[in-house]
Amino acid sequence: MNRSCLALSLCLLSAPLLAATKSCEKLKEEIEVKVQAAGVASYTLEIVPNADVTDRNLVVGSCAGGSKKIIYQRNDGVRRSDTAAPAPAPKPAKD
């Protein structure tokens, strides 16, 4: 009886995890809608295997049970990780 209750409990607890798994294409479409709603004109969304991710700052989603990532990159020459405020210019030396 206890084993049956334990097995049933584990099944019920794991059900949301199985239901929450989305296909990579579906997740990419949802992210694309959000990016377009933010007014970004030129960008690239790409689905890549985990091994191909070189910059974790560009990852905007995970799919296929965590084995793939969705990478976002703006195409206007500004990488997402480079959007921080620039460092102040050095002050000229006084003579």
N, C-alpha and C. Protein backbone atom coordinates (compact mmCIF):
# COMPACT_ATOMS: atom_id res chain seq x y z
N MET A 1 0.82 -1.20 0.00
CA MET A 1 0.00 0.00 0.00
C MET A 1 0.87 1.26 0.00
N ASN A 2 1.90 1.27 0.87
CA ASN A 2 2.77 2.44 0.93
C ASN A 2 3.52 2.64 -0.38
N ARG A 3 3.93 1.55 -1.00
CA ARG A 3 4.65 1.67 -2.28
C ARG A 3 3.72 2.21 -3.36
N SER A 4 2.49 1.80 -3.34
CA SER A 4 1.52 2.30 -4.32
C SER A 4 1.29 3.79 -4.14
N CYS A 5 1.17 4.22 -2.90
CA CYS A 5 0.98 5.65 -2.62
C CYS A 5 2.20 6.45 -3.03
N LEU A 6 3.39 5.90 -2.76
CA LEU A 6 4.62 6.58 -3.14
C LEU A 6 4.73 6.69 -4.67
N ALA A 7 4.43 5.61 -5.37
CA ALA A 7 4.50 5.62 -6.83
C ALA A 7 3.50 6.61 -7.41
N LEU A 8 2.30 6.62 -6.87
CA LEU A 8 1.28 7.55 -7.35
C LEU A 8 1.69 9.00 -7.08
N SER A 9 2.25 9.24 -5.92
CA SER A 9 2.70 10.60 -5.57
C SER A 9 3.80 11.07 -6.51
N LEU A 10 4.76 10.19 -6.80
CA LEU A 10 5.84 10.56 -7.72
C LEU A 10 5.31 10.84 -9.12
N CYS A 11 4.36 10.07 -9.57
CA CYS A 11 3.76 10.30 -10.89
C CYS A 11 3.05 11.65 -10.93
N LEU A 12 2.31 11.95 -9.89
CA LEU A 12 1.58 13.22 -9.85
C LEU A 12 2.53 14.41 -9.77
N LEU A 13 3.62 14.25 -9.03
CA LEU A 13 4.59 15.34 -8.91
C LEU A 13 5.38 15.56 -10.20
N SER A 14 5.60 14.51 -10.97
CA SER A 14 6.38 14.65 -12.20
C SER A 14 5.52 15.08 -13.38
N ALA A 15 4.23 15.01 -13.29
CA ALA A 15 3.34 15.37 -14.41
C ALA A 15 3.55 16.80 -14.89
N PRO A 16 3.65 17.80 -14.00
CA PRO A 16 3.87 19.16 -14.50
C PRO A 16 5.19 19.31 -15.24
N LEU A 17 6.20 18.56 -14.85
CA LEU A 17 7.49 18.65 -15.54
C LEU A 17 7.37 18.14 -16.97
N LEU A 18 6.63 17.08 -17.15
CA LEU A 18 6.43 16.55 -18.50
C LEU A 18 5.58 17.49 -19.34
N ALA A 19 4.59 18.08 -18.75
CA ALA A 19 3.70 18.99 -19.48
C ALA A 19 4.40 20.30 -19.81
N ALA A 20 5.38 20.70 -19.02
CA ALA A 20 6.05 21.97 -19.23
C ALA A 20 7.07 21.93 -20.36
N THR A 21 7.44 20.76 -20.84
CA THR A 21 8.42 20.63 -21.90
C THR A 21 7.80 21.09 -23.22
N LYS A 22 8.41 22.09 -23.84
CA LYS A 22 7.93 22.61 -25.12
C LYS A 22 8.90 22.23 -26.22
N SER A 23 8.40 22.20 -27.42
CA SER A 23 9.29 21.96 -28.55
C SER A 23 10.14 23.21 -28.76
N CYS A 24 11.29 23.02 -29.34
CA CYS A 24 12.20 24.14 -29.57
C CYS A 24 11.58 25.17 -30.50
N GLU A 25 10.90 24.71 -31.53
CA GLU A 25 10.29 25.64 -32.48
C GLU A 25 9.18 26.46 -31.83
N LYS A 26 8.38 25.83 -30.98
CA LYS A 26 7.29 26.53 -30.29
C LYS A 26 7.86 27.60 -29.36
N LEU A 27 8.88 27.26 -28.60
CA LEU A 27 9.50 28.22 -27.70
C LEU A 27 10.15 29.36 -28.49
N LYS A 28 10.79 29.03 -29.59
CA LYS A 28 11.41 30.06 -30.44
C LYS A 28 10.35 31.03 -30.95
N GLU A 29 9.20 30.52 -31.36
CA GLU A 29 8.11 31.38 -31.84
C GLU A 29 7.62 32.31 -30.73
N GLU A 30 7.49 31.80 -29.51
CA GLU A 30 7.04 32.63 -28.39
C GLU A 30 8.05 33.73 -28.08
N ILE A 31 9.33 33.40 -28.13
CA ILE A 31 10.38 34.40 -27.88
C ILE A 31 10.37 35.44 -29.00
N GLU A 32 10.17 34.99 -30.22
CA GLU A 32 10.14 35.90 -31.37
C GLU A 32 9.02 36.92 -31.24
N VAL A 33 7.86 36.50 -30.76
CA VAL A 33 6.74 37.42 -30.55
C VAL A 33 7.12 38.48 -29.52
N LYS A 34 7.79 38.08 -28.45
CA LYS A 34 8.19 39.03 -27.40
C LYS A 34 9.24 40.01 -27.91
N VAL A 35 10.18 39.52 -28.71
CA VAL A 35 11.23 40.40 -29.26
C VAL A 35 10.61 41.42 -30.20
N GLN A 36 9.69 40.98 -31.05
CA GLN A 36 9.03 41.90 -31.98
C GLN A 36 8.17 42.91 -31.23
N ALA A 37 7.53 42.48 -30.15
CA ALA A 37 6.71 43.40 -29.35
C ALA A 37 7.58 44.46 -28.67
N ALA A 38 8.84 44.14 -28.43
CA ALA A 38 9.76 45.10 -27.83
C ALA A 38 10.30 46.09 -28.86
N GLY A 39 9.94 45.90 -30.13
CA GLY A 39 10.33 46.85 -31.16
C GLY A 39 11.71 46.61 -31.76
N VAL A 40 12.28 45.46 -31.55
CA VAL A 40 13.59 45.16 -32.13
C VAL A 40 13.39 44.84 -33.61
N ALA A 41 14.08 45.58 -34.47
CA ALA A 41 13.86 45.45 -35.90
C ALA A 41 14.69 44.34 -36.53
N SER A 42 15.94 44.21 -36.14
CA SER A 42 16.83 43.25 -36.78
C SER A 42 17.50 42.38 -35.72
N TYR A 43 17.20 41.09 -35.77
CA TYR A 43 17.73 40.17 -34.77
C TYR A 43 17.77 38.76 -35.35
N THR A 44 18.45 37.88 -34.66
CA THR A 44 18.53 36.48 -35.04
C THR A 44 18.23 35.63 -33.82
N LEU A 45 17.35 34.66 -33.98
CA LEU A 45 17.11 33.63 -32.97
C LEU A 45 17.56 32.32 -33.58
N GLU A 46 18.37 31.58 -32.83
CA GLU A 46 18.93 30.35 -33.37
C GLU A 46 18.87 29.25 -32.31
N ILE A 47 18.49 28.06 -32.72
CA ILE A 47 18.47 26.90 -31.83
C ILE A 47 19.78 26.16 -32.03
N VAL A 48 20.54 25.99 -30.94
CA VAL A 48 21.84 25.34 -31.02
C VAL A 48 22.00 24.30 -29.91
N PRO A 49 22.81 23.28 -30.14
CA PRO A 49 23.11 22.32 -29.07
C PRO A 49 23.91 23.01 -27.96
N ASN A 50 23.80 22.50 -26.75
CA ASN A 50 24.52 23.09 -25.62
C ASN A 50 26.01 23.23 -25.88
N ALA A 51 26.60 22.25 -26.57
CA ALA A 51 28.04 22.27 -26.81
C ALA A 51 28.46 23.45 -27.69
N ASP A 52 27.54 23.99 -28.48
CA ASP A 52 27.86 25.09 -29.39
C ASP A 52 27.67 26.47 -28.78
N VAL A 53 27.22 26.54 -27.54
CA VAL A 53 27.00 27.84 -26.88
C VAL A 53 28.34 28.38 -26.41
N THR A 54 28.73 29.54 -26.95
CA THR A 54 30.00 30.14 -26.56
C THR A 54 29.82 31.30 -25.60
N ASP A 55 28.68 31.98 -25.67
CA ASP A 55 28.41 33.13 -24.80
C ASP A 55 27.08 32.91 -24.10
N ARG A 56 27.12 32.57 -22.83
CA ARG A 56 25.90 32.29 -22.06
C ARG A 56 25.01 33.52 -21.93
N ASN A 57 25.54 34.71 -22.13
CA ASN A 57 24.74 35.94 -22.04
C ASN A 57 23.75 36.06 -23.19
N LEU A 58 23.94 35.31 -24.25
CA LEU A 58 23.05 35.37 -25.40
C LEU A 58 21.91 34.36 -25.33
N VAL A 59 21.94 33.46 -24.35
CA VAL A 59 20.93 32.42 -24.22
C VAL A 59 19.64 33.02 -23.67
N VAL A 60 18.54 32.84 -24.41
CA VAL A 60 17.24 33.36 -23.98
C VAL A 60 16.22 32.25 -23.74
N GLY A 61 16.61 31.00 -23.98
CA GLY A 61 15.69 29.90 -23.74
C GLY A 61 16.39 28.56 -23.80
N SER A 62 15.75 27.57 -23.22
CA SER A 62 16.27 26.21 -23.20
C SER A 62 15.14 25.27 -23.62
N CYS A 63 15.46 24.28 -24.43
CA CYS A 63 14.44 23.36 -24.91
C CYS A 63 15.03 21.96 -25.08
N ALA A 64 14.21 21.04 -25.55
CA ALA A 64 14.63 19.65 -25.77
C ALA A 64 15.20 19.05 -24.49
N GLY A 65 14.49 19.28 -23.40
CA GLY A 65 14.93 18.73 -22.13
C GLY A 65 16.23 19.32 -21.63
N GLY A 66 16.55 20.54 -22.06
CA GLY A 66 17.77 21.20 -21.63
C GLY A 66 18.98 20.89 -22.50
N SER A 67 18.80 20.11 -23.56
CA SER A 67 19.94 19.75 -24.41
C SER A 67 20.22 20.78 -25.50
N LYS A 68 19.29 21.71 -25.71
CA LYS A 68 19.48 22.76 -26.71
C LYS A 68 19.16 24.11 -26.09
N LYS A 69 19.75 25.16 -26.65
CA LYS A 69 19.52 26.52 -26.19
C LYS A 69 19.06 27.37 -27.36
N ILE A 70 18.32 28.43 -27.04
CA ILE A 70 17.91 29.40 -28.04
C ILE A 70 18.75 30.64 -27.81
N ILE A 71 19.46 31.04 -28.85
CA ILE A 71 20.40 32.16 -28.80
C ILE A 71 19.77 33.37 -29.47
N TYR A 72 19.88 34.53 -28.83
CA TYR A 72 19.37 35.79 -29.38
C TYR A 72 20.56 36.70 -29.66
N GLN A 73 20.56 37.30 -30.83
CA GLN A 73 21.60 38.27 -31.16
C GLN A 73 21.00 39.37 -32.01
N ARG A 74 21.26 40.61 -31.60
CA ARG A 74 20.81 41.75 -32.41
C ARG A 74 21.72 41.88 -33.61
N ASN A 75 21.15 42.27 -34.73
CA ASN A 75 21.92 42.38 -35.97
C ASN A 75 22.35 43.80 -36.29
N ASP A 76 22.18 44.71 -35.34
CA ASP A 76 22.60 46.08 -35.59
C ASP A 76 24.03 46.33 -35.12
N GLY A 77 24.78 45.27 -34.91
CA GLY A 77 26.17 45.40 -34.51
C GLY A 77 26.38 45.45 -33.01
N VAL A 78 25.30 45.43 -32.23
CA VAL A 78 25.42 45.48 -30.78
C VAL A 78 25.02 44.12 -30.23
N ARG A 79 25.96 43.45 -29.59
CA ARG A 79 25.63 42.20 -28.94
C ARG A 79 24.92 42.49 -27.64
N ARG A 80 24.07 41.59 -27.22
CA ARG A 80 23.28 41.80 -26.01
C ARG A 80 24.18 42.01 -24.80
N SER A 81 25.30 41.33 -24.72
CA SER A 81 26.19 41.47 -23.58
C SER A 81 26.98 42.77 -23.64
N ASP A 82 26.95 43.47 -24.78
CA ASP A 82 27.68 44.73 -24.92
C ASP A 82 26.79 45.96 -24.71
N THR A 83 25.59 45.80 -24.22
CA THR A 83 24.67 46.92 -24.12
C THR A 83 24.79 47.69 -22.82
N ALA A 84 25.75 47.35 -21.98
CA ALA A 84 25.94 48.10 -20.74
C ALA A 84 26.43 49.50 -21.06
N ALA A 85 26.23 50.41 -20.14
CA ALA A 85 26.66 51.79 -20.34
C ALA A 85 28.17 51.83 -20.57
N PRO A 86 28.63 52.65 -21.51
CA PRO A 86 30.06 52.73 -21.77
C PRO A 86 30.79 53.36 -20.59
N ALA A 87 32.04 53.00 -20.47
CA ALA A 87 32.86 53.57 -19.40
C ALA A 87 33.08 55.05 -19.69
N PRO A 88 33.15 55.87 -18.65
CA PRO A 88 33.37 57.30 -18.88
C PRO A 88 34.75 57.54 -19.49
N ALA A 89 34.82 58.57 -20.32
CA ALA A 89 36.08 58.92 -20.96
C ALA A 89 37.05 59.45 -19.91
N PRO A 90 38.34 59.16 -20.06
CA PRO A 90 39.31 59.67 -19.09
C PRO A 90 39.38 61.19 -19.16
N LYS A 91 39.60 61.81 -18.02
CA LYS A 91 39.70 63.26 -17.97
C LYS A 91 41.07 63.68 -18.48
N PRO A 92 41.12 64.78 -19.24
CA PRO A 92 42.41 65.24 -19.75
C PRO A 92 43.30 65.71 -18.59
N ALA A 93 44.58 65.48 -18.75
CA ALA A 93 45.54 65.88 -17.71
C ALA A 93 45.67 67.40 -17.70
N LYS A 94 45.75 67.96 -16.50
CA LYS A 94 45.93 69.41 -16.38
C LYS A 94 47.41 69.74 -16.41
N ASP A 95 47.75 70.80 -17.12
CA ASP A 95 49.16 71.22 -17.23
C ASP A 95 49.56 72.11 -16.11
